[in-house]
Protein backbone atom coordinates (compact mmCIF):
# COMPACT_ATOMS: atom_id res chain seq x y z
CA MET A 1 111.33 130.07 140.75
CA THR A 2 112.53 131.46 144.23
CA PHE A 3 110.87 130.62 147.42
CA ALA A 4 108.93 133.78 147.72
CA GLU A 5 107.60 133.31 144.17
CA ILE A 6 106.50 129.86 144.86
CA ASN A 7 104.67 130.96 148.04
CA ALA A 8 103.12 133.94 146.54
CA PRO A 9 99.28 134.32 146.60
CA GLU A 10 99.04 133.54 142.89
CA GLN A 11 100.74 130.17 143.22
CA LEU A 12 98.73 129.46 146.42
CA LYS A 13 95.48 130.22 144.46
CA LYS A 14 96.54 128.10 141.51
CA ALA A 15 97.17 125.13 143.88
CA LYS A 16 93.75 125.63 145.77
CA GLU A 17 92.15 125.80 142.11
CA GLY A 18 93.52 122.28 141.23
CA ASP A 19 96.76 123.04 139.59
CA ARG A 20 98.70 119.93 140.53
CA ALA A 21 102.21 121.49 139.56
CA ALA A 22 101.66 124.47 141.68
CA PHE A 23 100.54 122.31 144.56
CA ASP A 24 103.70 120.05 144.28
CA ARG A 25 105.98 123.02 144.05
CA ILE A 26 104.60 124.61 147.27
CA ILE A 27 104.81 121.35 149.09
CA ALA A 28 108.40 120.89 147.94
CA ALA A 29 109.55 124.34 148.76
CA ASN A 30 108.03 123.98 152.36
CA LEU A 31 109.56 120.66 153.22
CA GLY A 32 112.44 122.33 155.00
CA LEU A 33 109.88 123.74 157.28
CA VAL A 34 108.55 120.14 158.04
CA ARG A 35 112.26 118.93 158.49
CA SER A 36 112.73 121.79 161.12
CA ILE A 37 109.74 120.95 162.98
CA ALA A 38 110.38 117.23 162.93
CA SER A 39 113.76 117.69 164.24
CA ARG A 40 112.15 119.03 167.53
CA PHE A 41 110.50 115.64 168.00
CA THR A 42 113.48 113.37 167.60
CA GLY A 43 114.72 111.18 170.40
CA ARG A 44 111.19 110.34 171.45
CA GLY A 45 110.93 106.84 170.05
CA THR A 46 110.05 107.76 166.36
CA GLU A 47 112.60 107.77 163.49
CA TYR A 48 113.30 111.22 161.97
CA GLU A 49 112.26 110.03 158.59
CA ASP A 50 108.87 108.86 159.71
CA LEU A 51 108.37 112.33 161.65
CA VAL A 52 109.01 114.09 158.26
CA GLN A 53 106.52 111.79 156.57
CA ILE A 54 103.90 112.23 159.15
CA GLY A 55 104.69 116.25 159.04
CA SER A 56 104.28 116.09 155.21
CA ILE A 57 100.78 114.91 155.70
CA GLY A 58 100.19 118.08 158.02
CA LEU A 59 101.62 120.33 155.31
CA ILE A 60 99.40 118.77 152.62
CA LYS A 61 96.32 119.35 154.99
CA ALA A 62 97.62 122.90 155.69
CA LEU A 63 97.74 123.75 151.97
CA LYS A 64 94.27 122.21 151.31
CA ASN A 65 92.66 124.14 154.09
CA PHE A 66 94.54 127.35 153.80
CA ASP A 67 92.39 130.48 153.47
CA LEU A 68 94.00 133.00 151.17
CA GLY A 69 91.71 135.75 152.52
CA ALA A 70 92.82 135.36 156.11
CA GLY A 71 95.87 137.58 155.66
CA THR A 72 98.55 135.20 156.95
CA CYS A 73 101.50 133.79 155.42
CA PHE A 74 101.16 130.04 154.36
CA SER A 75 104.06 129.04 156.54
CA THR A 76 102.60 130.74 159.62
CA TYR A 77 99.48 128.80 159.05
CA ALA A 78 101.34 125.49 158.20
CA VAL A 79 103.50 125.34 161.39
CA PRO A 80 100.69 124.37 163.81
CA MET A 81 99.13 122.06 161.40
CA VAL A 82 102.48 120.22 160.77
CA THR A 83 103.25 120.21 164.50
CA GLY A 84 99.76 118.79 165.35
CA GLU A 85 100.14 116.15 162.76
CA ILE A 86 103.47 115.00 164.37
CA LYS A 87 102.13 115.02 167.98
């Protein structure tokens, strides 16, 4: 599956309905986003790997709380959630 197919509304809906495979695919496909955000916080006393782990918690929370009817892309919704978790 391509990145766009993984983040398609159908996959997001499946993940929200409890499809563990869809949930895992979406999280795995968006780990690059977490790594990118985590890199902004390096050099502040916390190891990069720890920042990625903390950011991943934010990504999971974002997917659990994402509203398909809001009309935003998942990644747009996830950025402040991941950033907030790291801060």
